[in-house]
Amino acid sequence: MTITRKQNGDNLEIALEGRLDTVTAPELETELKQSLAGIKSLTFDFSKVEYVSSAGLRALFEARKALYGKGSMKITHPNEIVMEVFEVTGFADLVKTE
């Protein structure tokens, strides 16, 4: 998985490419732990994400928890497969998707 990070003040965009799964989720978790201080708006660009596993959902949920009461989080451009995972697991009810 490739992680591309763009920060503008307290806005952070993280673009992911590849699979967000058991192997790659720890890499995203590490990036988020280093990047979320002072962030009020977090956007994940999923336009190049092929698949998300439960480990990937956990990493995203941890980011949401870290921002709770401090800022917002959204996921943009999830493909049909990823969106189905979000809907089946109830994750789509927890995070704004566009």
PDB file of N, CA and C in Angstrom:
ATOM      1  N   MET A   1       0.836  -1.169   0.000  1.00  0.00           N
ATOM      2  CA  MET A   1       0.000   0.000   0.000  1.00  0.00           C
ATOM      3  C   MET A   1       0.891   1.247   0.000  1.00  0.00           C
ATOM      4  N   THR A   2       0.456   2.247  -0.724  1.00  0.00           N
ATOM      5  CA  THR A   2       1.146   3.531  -0.756  1.00  0.00           C
ATOM      6  C   THR A   2       0.300   4.550  -0.005  1.00  0.00           C
ATOM      7  N   ILE A   3       0.946   5.314   0.864  1.00  0.00           N
ATOM      8  CA  ILE A   3       0.280   6.363   1.631  1.00  0.00           C
ATOM      9  C   ILE A   3       0.868   7.703   1.205  1.00  0.00           C
ATOM     10  N   THR A   4      -0.005   8.606   0.761  1.00  0.00           N
ATOM     11  CA  THR A   4       0.425   9.955   0.402  1.00  0.00           C
ATOM     12  C   THR A   4      -0.287  10.927   1.326  1.00  0.00           C
ATOM     13  N   ARG A   5       0.481  11.757   1.984  1.00  0.00           N
ATOM     14  CA  ARG A   5      -0.043  12.664   3.011  1.00  0.00           C
ATOM     15  C   ARG A   5       0.097  14.109   2.546  1.00  0.00           C
ATOM     16  N   LYS A   6      -1.011  14.879   2.632  1.00  0.00           N
ATOM     17  CA  LYS A   6      -0.971  16.313   2.314  1.00  0.00           C
ATOM     18  C   LYS A   6      -1.624  17.058   3.469  1.00  0.00           C
ATOM     19  N   GLN A   7      -0.888  17.989   4.055  1.00  0.00           N
ATOM     20  CA  GLN A   7      -1.431  18.759   5.166  1.00  0.00           C
ATOM     21  C   GLN A   7      -1.451  20.231   4.813  1.00  0.00           C
ATOM     22  N   ASN A   8      -2.570  20.868   5.156  1.00  0.00           N
ATOM     23  CA  ASN A   8      -2.725  22.304   4.979  1.00  0.00           C
ATOM     24  C   ASN A   8      -3.307  22.828   6.288  1.00  0.00           C
ATOM     25  N   GLY A   9      -2.467  23.376   7.144  1.00  0.00           N
ATOM     26  CA  GLY A   9      -2.917  23.836   8.459  1.00  0.00           C
ATOM     27  C   GLY A   9      -3.431  22.663   9.286  1.00  0.00           C
ATOM     28  N   ASP A  10      -4.685  22.758   9.732  1.00  0.00           N
ATOM     29  CA  ASP A  10      -5.249  21.680  10.541  1.00  0.00           C
ATOM     30  C   ASP A  10      -6.090  20.714   9.714  1.00  0.00           C
ATOM     31  N   ASN A  11      -5.924  20.764   8.381  1.00  0.00           N
ATOM     32  CA  ASN A  11      -6.580  19.835   7.465  1.00  0.00           C
ATOM     33  C   ASN A  11      -5.560  18.837   6.929  1.00  0.00           C
ATOM     34  N   LEU A  12      -5.897  17.571   7.014  1.00  0.00           N
ATOM     35  CA  LEU A  12      -4.995  16.517   6.541  1.00  0.00           C
ATOM     36  C   LEU A  12      -5.745  15.634   5.556  1.00  0.00           C
ATOM     37  N   GLU A  13      -5.126  15.391   4.414  1.00  0.00           N
ATOM     38  CA  GLU A  13      -5.657  14.439   3.444  1.00  0.00           C
ATOM     39  C   GLU A  13      -4.664  13.301   3.299  1.00  0.00           C
ATOM     40  N   ILE A  14      -5.171  12.090   3.417  1.00  0.00           N
ATOM     41  CA  ILE A  14      -4.348  10.907   3.229  1.00  0.00           C
ATOM     42  C   ILE A  14      -4.927  10.115   2.069  1.00  0.00           C
ATOM     43  N   ALA A  15      -4.136   9.978   1.019  1.00  0.00           N
ATOM     44  CA  ALA A  15      -4.536   9.186  -0.143  1.00  0.00           C
ATOM     45  C   ALA A  15      -3.879   7.813  -0.020  1.00  0.00           C
ATOM     46  N   LEU A  16      -4.692   6.792  -0.155  1.00  0.00           N
ATOM     47  CA  LEU A  16      -4.200   5.414  -0.062  1.00  0.00           C
ATOM     48  C   LEU A  16      -4.285   4.763  -1.431  1.00  0.00           C
ATOM     49  N   GLU A  17      -3.341   3.864  -1.693  1.00  0.00           N
ATOM     50  CA  GLU A  17      -3.353   3.119  -2.950  1.00  0.00           C
ATOM     51  C   GLU A  17      -3.013   1.673  -2.659  1.00  0.00           C
ATOM     52  N   GLY A  18      -3.874   0.769  -3.112  1.00  0.00           N
ATOM     53  CA  GLY A  18      -3.649  -0.658  -2.904  1.00  0.00           C
ATOM     54  C   GLY A  18      -4.685  -1.252  -1.978  1.00  0.00           C
ATOM     55  N   ARG A  19      -4.266  -2.216  -1.183  1.00  0.00           N
ATOM     56  CA  ARG A  19      -5.156  -2.919  -0.262  1.00  0.00           C
ATOM     57  C   ARG A  19      -4.905  -2.457   1.170  1.00  0.00           C
ATOM     58  N   LEU A  20      -5.975  -2.201   1.897  1.00  0.00           N
ATOM     59  CA  LEU A  20      -5.880  -1.864   3.320  1.00  0.00           C
ATOM     60  C   LEU A  20      -6.327  -3.100   4.078  1.00  0.00           C
ATOM     61  N   ASP A  21      -5.355  -3.889   4.497  1.00  0.00           N
ATOM     62  CA  ASP A  21      -5.658  -5.188   5.085  1.00  0.00           C
ATOM     63  C   ASP A  21      -4.738  -5.471   6.275  1.00  0.00           C
ATOM     64  N   THR A  22      -4.696  -6.701   6.704  1.00  0.00           N
ATOM     65  CA  THR A  22      -3.910  -7.094   7.875  1.00  0.00           C
ATOM     66  C   THR A  22      -2.432  -6.743   7.723  1.00  0.00           C
ATOM     67  N   VAL A  23      -1.916  -6.851   6.530  1.00  0.00           N
ATOM     68  CA  VAL A  23      -0.498  -6.570   6.286  1.00  0.00           C
ATOM     69  C   VAL A  23      -0.219  -5.072   6.284  1.00  0.00           C
ATOM     70  N   THR A  24      -1.121  -4.267   5.720  1.00  0.00           N
ATOM     71  CA  THR A  24      -0.847  -2.840   5.525  1.00  0.00           C
ATOM     72  C   THR A  24      -1.470  -1.920   6.576  1.00  0.00           C
ATOM     73  N   ALA A  25      -2.473  -2.401   7.304  1.00  0.00           N
ATOM     74  CA  ALA A  25      -3.127  -1.557   8.319  1.00  0.00           C
ATOM     75  C   ALA A  25      -2.147  -1.018   9.365  1.00  0.00           C
ATOM     76  N   PRO A  26      -1.189  -1.821   9.856  1.00  0.00           N
ATOM     77  CA  PRO A  26      -0.236  -1.269  10.832  1.00  0.00           C
ATOM     78  C   PRO A  26       0.550  -0.073  10.302  1.00  0.00           C
ATOM     79  N   GLU A  27       0.842  -0.073   9.023  1.00  0.00           N
ATOM     80  CA  GLU A  27       1.547   1.063   8.410  1.00  0.00           C
ATOM     81  C   GLU A  27       0.679   2.323   8.481  1.00  0.00           C
ATOM     82  N   LEU A  28      -0.616   2.187   8.187  1.00  0.00           N
ATOM     83  CA  LEU A  28      -1.525   3.327   8.283  1.00  0.00           C
ATOM     84  C   LEU A  28      -1.670   3.774   9.728  1.00  0.00           C
ATOM     85  N   GLU A  29      -1.776   2.837  10.655  1.00  0.00           N
ATOM     86  CA  GLU A  29      -1.896   3.186  12.080  1.00  0.00           C
ATOM     87  C   GLU A  29      -0.690   3.999  12.536  1.00  0.00           C
ATOM     88  N   THR A  30       0.499   3.602  12.126  1.00  0.00           N
ATOM     89  CA  THR A  30       1.718   4.328  12.488  1.00  0.00           C
ATOM     90  C   THR A  30       1.683   5.740  11.908  1.00  0.00           C
ATOM     91  N   GLU A  31       1.300   5.852  10.649  1.00  0.00           N
ATOM     92  CA  GLU A  31       1.203   7.175  10.005  1.00  0.00           C
ATOM     93  C   GLU A  31       0.217   8.063  10.743  1.00  0.00           C
ATOM     94  N   LEU A  32      -0.924   7.519  11.126  1.00  0.00           N
ATOM     95  CA  LEU A  32      -1.946   8.307  11.806  1.00  0.00           C
ATOM     96  C   LEU A  32      -1.487   8.754  13.193  1.00  0.00           C
ATOM     97  N   LYS A  33      -0.818   7.885  13.918  1.00  0.00           N
ATOM     98  CA  LYS A  33      -0.323   8.254  15.254  1.00  0.00           C
ATOM     99  C   LYS A  33       0.647   9.427  15.174  1.00  0.00           C
ATOM    100  N   GLN A  34       1.411   9.482  14.093  1.00  0.00           N
ATOM    101  CA  GLN A  34       2.388  10.548  13.914  1.00  0.00           C
ATOM    102  C   GLN A  34       1.775  11.826  13.345  1.00  0.00           C
ATOM    103  N   SER A  35       0.566  11.743  12.785  1.00  0.00           N
ATOM    104  CA  SER A  35       0.036  12.848  11.998  1.00  0.00           C
ATOM    105  C   SER A  35      -1.179  13.556  12.571  1.00  0.00           C
ATOM    106  N   LEU A  36      -1.883  12.990  13.540  1.00  0.00           N
ATOM    107  CA  LEU A  36      -3.181  13.532  13.933  1.00  0.00           C
ATOM    108  C   LEU A  36      -3.153  14.670  14.946  1.00  0.00           C
ATOM    109  N   ALA A  37      -2.031  14.925  15.567  1.00  0.00           N
ATOM    110  CA  ALA A  37      -1.971  16.006  16.555  1.00  0.00           C
ATOM    111  C   ALA A  37      -2.334  17.335  15.899  1.00  0.00           C
ATOM    112  N   GLY A  38      -3.340  18.000  16.444  1.00  0.00           N
ATOM    113  CA  GLY A  38      -3.754  19.306  15.954  1.00  0.00           C
ATOM    114  C   GLY A  38      -4.637  19.278  14.718  1.00  0.00           C
ATOM    115  N   ILE A  39      -4.967  18.108  14.224  1.00  0.00           N
ATOM    116  CA  ILE A  39      -5.794  17.994  13.016  1.00  0.00           C
ATOM    117  C   ILE A  39      -7.267  18.129  13.376  1.00  0.00           C
ATOM    118  N   LYS A  40      -7.985  18.939  12.609  1.00  0.00           N
ATOM    119  CA  LYS A  40      -9.425  19.130  12.820  1.00  0.00           C
ATOM    120  C   LYS A  40     -10.257  18.564  11.685  1.00  0.00           C
ATOM    121  N   SER A  41      -9.632  18.311  10.551  1.00  0.00           N
ATOM    122  CA  SER A  41     -10.337  17.737   9.409  1.00  0.00           C
ATOM    123  C   SER A  41      -9.435  16.705   8.742  1.00  0.00           C
ATOM    124  N   LEU A  42      -9.896  15.456   8.726  1.00  0.00           N
ATOM    125  CA  LEU A  42      -9.140  14.361   8.122  1.00  0.00           C
ATOM    126  C   LEU A  42      -9.950  13.792   6.972  1.00  0.00           C
ATOM    127  N   THR A  43      -9.339  13.751   5.801  1.00  0.00           N
ATOM    128  CA  THR A  43      -9.979  13.187   4.620  1.00  0.00           C
ATOM    129  C   THR A  43      -9.123  12.047   4.092  1.00  0.00           C
ATOM    130  N   PHE A  44      -9.751  10.903   3.887  1.00  0.00           N
ATOM    131  CA  PHE A  44      -9.090   9.778   3.245  1.00  0.00           C
ATOM    132  C   PHE A  44      -9.562   9.717   1.800  1.00  0.00           C
ATOM    133  N   ASP A  45      -8.632   9.729   0.860  1.00  0.00           N
ATOM    134  CA  ASP A  45      -8.957   9.551  -0.552  1.00  0.00           C
ATOM    135  C   ASP A  45      -8.797   8.068  -0.863  1.00  0.00           C
ATOM    136  N   PHE A  46      -9.927   7.410  -1.138  1.00  0.00           N
ATOM    137  CA  PHE A  46      -9.948   5.977  -1.400  1.00  0.00           C
ATOM    138  C   PHE A  46     -10.069   5.659  -2.885  1.00  0.00           C
ATOM    139  N   SER A  47      -9.805   6.630  -3.757  1.00  0.00           N
ATOM    140  CA  SER A  47     -10.003   6.403  -5.186  1.00  0.00           C
ATOM    141  C   SER A  47      -9.134   5.274  -5.737  1.00  0.00           C
ATOM    142  N   LYS A  48      -8.034   4.947  -5.057  1.00  0.00           N
ATOM    143  CA  LYS A  48      -7.145   3.882  -5.536  1.00  0.00           C
ATOM    144  C   LYS A  48      -7.044   2.720  -4.551  1.00  0.00           C
ATOM    145  N   VAL A  49      -8.005   2.631  -3.623  1.00  0.00           N
ATOM    146  CA  VAL A  49      -8.036   1.507  -2.678  1.00  0.00           C
ATOM    147  C   VAL A  49      -8.846   0.384  -3.306  1.00  0.00           C
ATOM    148  N   GLU A  50      -8.249  -0.799  -3.371  1.00  0.00           N
ATOM    149  CA  GLU A  50      -8.892  -1.950  -3.994  1.00  0.00           C
ATOM    150  C   GLU A  50      -9.766  -2.739  -3.026  1.00  0.00           C
ATOM    151  N   TYR A  51      -9.371  -2.768  -1.758  1.00  0.00           N
ATOM    152  CA  TYR A  51     -10.022  -3.655  -0.797  1.00  0.00           C
ATOM    153  C   TYR A  51      -9.734  -3.165   0.618  1.00  0.00           C
ATOM    154  N   VAL A  52     -10.691  -3.384   1.521  1.00  0.00           N
ATOM    155  CA  VAL A  52     -10.506  -3.070   2.939  1.00  0.00           C
ATOM    156  C   VAL A  52     -10.933  -4.283   3.756  1.00  0.00           C
ATOM    157  N   SER A  53     -10.066  -4.730   4.656  1.00  0.00           N
ATOM    158  CA  SER A  53     -10.383  -5.846   5.552  1.00  0.00           C
ATOM    159  C   SER A  53     -10.791  -5.299   6.919  1.00  0.00           C
ATOM    160  N   SER A  54     -11.096  -6.203   7.832  1.00  0.00           N
ATOM    161  CA  SER A  54     -11.462  -5.773   9.188  1.00  0.00           C
ATOM    162  C   SER A  54     -10.308  -5.048   9.873  1.00  0.00           C
ATOM    163  N   ALA A  55      -9.079  -5.436   9.573  1.00  0.00           N
ATOM    164  CA  ALA A  55      -7.918  -4.735  10.149  1.00  0.00           C
ATOM    165  C   ALA A  55      -7.858  -3.300   9.622  1.00  0.00           C
ATOM    166  N   GLY A  56      -8.190  -3.107   8.366  1.00  0.00           N
ATOM    167  CA  GLY A  56      -8.243  -1.767   7.791  1.00  0.00           C
ATOM    168  C   GLY A  56      -9.345  -0.935   8.412  1.00  0.00           C
ATOM    169  N   LEU A  57     -10.515  -1.552   8.623  1.00  0.00           N
ATOM    170  CA  LEU A  57     -11.616  -0.856   9.283  1.00  0.00           C
ATOM    171  C   LEU A  57     -11.227  -0.429  10.688  1.00  0.00           C
ATOM    172  N   ARG A  58     -10.508  -1.291  11.381  1.00  0.00           N
ATOM    173  CA  ARG A  58     -10.059  -0.970  12.744  1.00  0.00           C
ATOM    174  C   ARG A  58      -9.142   0.254  12.729  1.00  0.00           C
ATOM    175  N   ALA A  59      -8.226   0.324  11.779  1.00  0.00           N
ATOM    176  CA  ALA A  59      -7.316   1.478  11.674  1.00  0.00           C
ATOM    177  C   ALA A  59      -8.109   2.762  11.413  1.00  0.00           C
ATOM    178  N   LEU A  60      -9.108   2.679  10.537  1.00  0.00           N
ATOM    179  CA  LEU A  60      -9.940   3.842  10.249  1.00  0.00           C
ATOM    180  C   LEU A  60     -10.775   4.242  11.462  1.00  0.00           C
ATOM    181  N   PHE A  61     -11.288   3.252  12.169  1.00  0.00           N
ATOM    182  CA  PHE A  61     -12.089   3.535  13.353  1.00  0.00           C
ATOM    183  C   PHE A  61     -11.241   4.184  14.450  1.00  0.00           C
ATOM    184  N   GLU A  62     -10.008   3.751  14.591  1.00  0.00           N
ATOM    185  CA  GLU A  62      -9.099   4.362  15.574  1.00  0.00           C
ATOM    186  C   GLU A  62      -8.849   5.832  15.224  1.00  0.00           C
ATOM    187  N   ALA A  63      -8.737   6.139  13.946  1.00  0.00           N
ATOM    188  CA  ALA A  63      -8.566   7.540  13.524  1.00  0.00           C
ATOM    189  C   ALA A  63      -9.806   8.337  13.892  1.00  0.00           C
ATOM    190  N   ARG A  64     -10.965   7.761  13.661  1.00  0.00           N
ATOM    191  CA  ARG A  64     -12.230   8.436  14.004  1.00  0.00           C
ATOM    192  C   ARG A  64     -12.297   8.689  15.504  1.00  0.00           C
ATOM    193  N   LYS A  65     -11.913   7.699  16.298  1.00  0.00           N
ATOM    194  CA  LYS A  65     -11.911   7.853  17.756  1.00  0.00           C
ATOM    195  C   LYS A  65     -10.963   8.963  18.192  1.00  0.00           C
ATOM    196  N   ALA A  66      -9.796   9.027  17.566  1.00  0.00           N
ATOM    197  CA  ALA A  66      -8.797  10.041  17.935  1.00  0.00           C
ATOM    198  C   ALA A  66      -9.306  11.446  17.648  1.00  0.00           C
ATOM    199  N   LEU A  67     -10.160  11.585  16.643  1.00  0.00           N
ATOM    200  CA  LEU A  67     -10.683  12.907  16.276  1.00  0.00           C
ATOM    201  C   LEU A  67     -12.005  13.238  16.955  1.00  0.00           C
ATOM    202  N   TYR A  68     -12.597  12.289  17.626  1.00  0.00           N
ATOM    203  CA  TYR A  68     -13.919  12.490  18.216  1.00  0.00           C
ATOM    204  C   TYR A  68     -13.908  13.706  19.153  1.00  0.00           C
ATOM    205  N   GLY A  69     -14.796  14.644  18.900  1.00  0.00           N
ATOM    206  CA  GLY A  69     -14.881  15.851  19.705  1.00  0.00           C
ATOM    207  C   GLY A  69     -13.841  16.905  19.358  1.00  0.00           C
ATOM    208  N   LYS A  70     -12.912  16.575  18.478  1.00  0.00           N
ATOM    209  CA  LYS A  70     -11.846  17.506  18.103  1.00  0.00           C
ATOM    210  C   LYS A  70     -11.919  17.907  16.635  1.00  0.00           C
ATOM    211  N   GLY A  71     -12.534  17.031  15.830  1.00  0.00           N
ATOM    212  CA  GLY A  71     -12.553  17.296  14.399  1.00  0.00           C
ATOM    213  C   GLY A  71     -13.416  16.292  13.661  1.00  0.00           C
ATOM    214  N   SER A  72     -13.356  16.357  12.337  1.00  0.00           N
ATOM    215  CA  SER A  72     -14.193  15.496  11.504  1.00  0.00           C
ATOM    216  C   SER A  72     -13.330  14.609  10.609  1.00  0.00           C
ATOM    217  N   MET A  73     -13.964  13.543  10.130  1.00  0.00           N
ATOM    218  CA  MET A  73     -13.287  12.604   9.248  1.00  0.00           C
ATOM    219  C   MET A  73     -14.252  12.200   8.147  1.00  0.00           C
ATOM    220  N   LYS A  74     -13.734  12.111   6.932  1.00  0.00           N
ATOM    221  CA  LYS A  74     -14.553  11.614   5.832  1.00  0.00           C
ATOM    222  C   LYS A  74     -13.695  10.781   4.893  1.00  0.00           C
ATOM    223  N   ILE A  75     -14.364   9.944   4.122  1.00  0.00           N
ATOM    224  CA  ILE A  75     -13.712   9.083   3.141  1.00  0.00           C
ATOM    225  C   ILE A  75     -14.309   9.427   1.781  1.00  0.00           C
ATOM    226  N   THR A  76     -13.435   9.754   0.830  1.00  0.00           N
ATOM    227  CA  THR A  76     -13.915  10.115  -0.500  1.00  0.00           C
ATOM    228  C   THR A  76     -13.561   9.030  -1.517  1.00  0.00           C
ATOM    229  N   HIS A  77     -14.406   8.894  -2.509  1.00  0.00           N
ATOM    230  CA  HIS A  77     -14.196   8.041  -3.677  1.00  0.00           C
ATOM    231  C   HIS A  77     -13.995   6.546  -3.396  1.00  0.00           C
ATOM    232  N   PRO A  78     -14.724   5.958  -2.427  1.00  0.00           N
ATOM    233  CA  PRO A  78     -14.581   4.507  -2.261  1.00  0.00           C
ATOM    234  C   PRO A  78     -15.215   3.784  -3.458  1.00  0.00           C
ATOM    235  N   ASN A  79     -14.589   2.705  -3.907  1.00  0.00           N
ATOM    236  CA  ASN A  79     -15.177   1.954  -5.011  1.00  0.00           C
ATOM    237  C   ASN A  79     -16.349   1.107  -4.496  1.00  0.00           C
ATOM    238  N   GLU A  80     -16.996   0.410  -5.393  1.00  0.00           N
ATOM    239  CA  GLU A  80     -18.191  -0.356  -5.051  1.00  0.00           C
ATOM    240  C   GLU A  80     -17.898  -1.457  -4.024  1.00  0.00           C
ATOM    241  N   ILE A  81     -16.786  -2.140  -4.182  1.00  0.00           N
ATOM    242  CA  ILE A  81     -16.417  -3.227  -3.263  1.00  0.00           C
ATOM    243  C   ILE A  81     -16.170  -2.681  -1.863  1.00  0.00           C
ATOM    244  N   VAL A  82     -15.403  -1.602  -1.771  1.00  0.00           N
ATOM    245  CA  VAL A  82     -15.106  -0.985  -0.475  1.00  0.00           C
ATOM    246  C   VAL A  82     -16.383  -0.446   0.163  1.00  0.00           C
ATOM    247  N   MET A  83     -17.217   0.198  -0.626  1.00  0.00           N
ATOM    248  CA  MET A  83     -18.464   0.749  -0.095  1.00  0.00           C
ATOM    249  C   MET A  83     -19.366  -0.362   0.436  1.00  0.00           C
ATOM    250  N   GLU A  84     -19.371  -1.500  -0.239  1.00  0.00           N
ATOM    251  CA  GLU A  84     -20.163  -2.637   0.242  1.00  0.00           C
ATOM    252  C   GLU A  84     -19.653  -3.118   1.601  1.00  0.00           C
ATOM    253  N   VAL A  85     -18.338  -3.160   1.782  1.00  0.00           N
ATOM    254  CA  VAL A  85     -17.761  -3.540   3.086  1.00  0.00           C
ATOM    255  C   VAL A  85     -18.205  -2.537   4.149  1.00  0.00           C
ATOM    256  N   PHE A  86     -18.146  -1.247   3.830  1.00  0.00           N
ATOM    257  CA  PHE A  86     -18.579  -0.217   4.776  1.00  0.00           C
ATOM    258  C   PHE A  86     -20.052  -0.392   5.157  1.00  0.00           C
ATOM    259  N   GLU A  87     -20.884  -0.680   4.176  1.00  0.00           N
ATOM    260  CA  GLU A  87     -22.322  -0.815   4.438  1.00  0.00           C
ATOM    261  C   GLU A  87     -22.651  -2.078   5.230  1.00  0.00           C
ATOM    262  N   VAL A  88     -22.068  -3.204   4.853  1.00  0.00           N
ATOM    263  CA  VAL A  88     -22.349  -4.478   5.523  1.00  0.00           C
ATOM    264  C   VAL A  88     -21.903  -4.450   6.981  1.00  0.00           C
ATOM    265  N   THR A  89     -20.786  -3.784   7.252  1.00  0.00           N
ATOM    266  CA  THR A  89     -20.254  -3.740   8.616  1.00  0.00           C
ATOM    267  C   THR A  89     -20.846  -2.628   9.467  1.00  0.00           C
ATOM    268  N   GLY A  90     -21.601  -1.716   8.847  1.00  0.00           N
ATOM    269  CA  GLY A  90     -22.156  -0.579   9.570  1.00  0.00           C
ATOM    270  C   GLY A  90     -21.203   0.599   9.652  1.00  0.00           C
ATOM    271  N   PHE A  91     -20.028   0.462   9.070  1.00  0.00           N
ATOM    272  CA  PHE A  91     -19.036   1.541   9.111  1.00  0.00           C
ATOM    273  C   PHE A  91     -19.540   2.777   8.368  1.00  0.00           C
ATOM    274  N   ALA A  92     -20.357   2.568   7.335  1.00  0.00           N
ATOM    275  CA  ALA A  92     -20.896   3.699   6.563  1.00  0.00           C
ATOM    276  C   ALA A  92     -21.770   4.603   7.420  1.00  0.00           C
ATOM    277  N   ASP A  93     -22.338   4.058   8.500  1.00  0.00           N
ATOM    278  CA  ASP A  93     -23.148   4.860   9.414  1.00  0.00           C
ATOM    279  C   ASP A  93     -22.293   5.704  10.365  1.00  0.00           C
ATOM    280  N   LEU A  94     -21.025   5.338  10.499  1.00  0.00           N
ATOM    281  CA  LEU A  94     -20.136   6.016  11.443  1.00  0.00           C
ATOM    282  C   LEU A  94     -19.296   7.120  10.818  1.00  0.00           C
ATOM    283  N   VAL A  95     -19.028   6.998   9.520  1.00  0.00           N
ATOM    284  CA  VAL A  95     -18.128   7.931   8.853  1.00  0.00           C
ATOM    285  C   VAL A  95     -18.780   8.440   7.568  1.00  0.00           C
ATOM    286  N   LYS A  96     -18.629   9.720   7.339  1.00  0.00           N
ATOM    287  CA  LYS A  96     -19.162  10.329   6.123  1.00  0.00           C
ATOM    288  C   LYS A  96     -18.359   9.832   4.920  1.00  0.00           C
ATOM    289  N   THR A  97     -19.070   9.405   3.887  1.00  0.00           N
ATOM    290  CA  THR A  97     -18.413   8.984   2.653  1.00  0.00           C
ATOM    291  C   THR A  97     -18.960   9.813   1.504  1.00  0.00           C
ATOM    292  N   GLU A  98     -18.082  10.115   0.569  1.00  0.00           N
ATOM    293  CA  GLU A  98     -18.471  10.908  -0.611  1.00  0.00           C
ATOM    294  C   GLU A  98     -17.978  10.224  -1.855  1.00  0.00           C
TER     295      GLU A  98
END
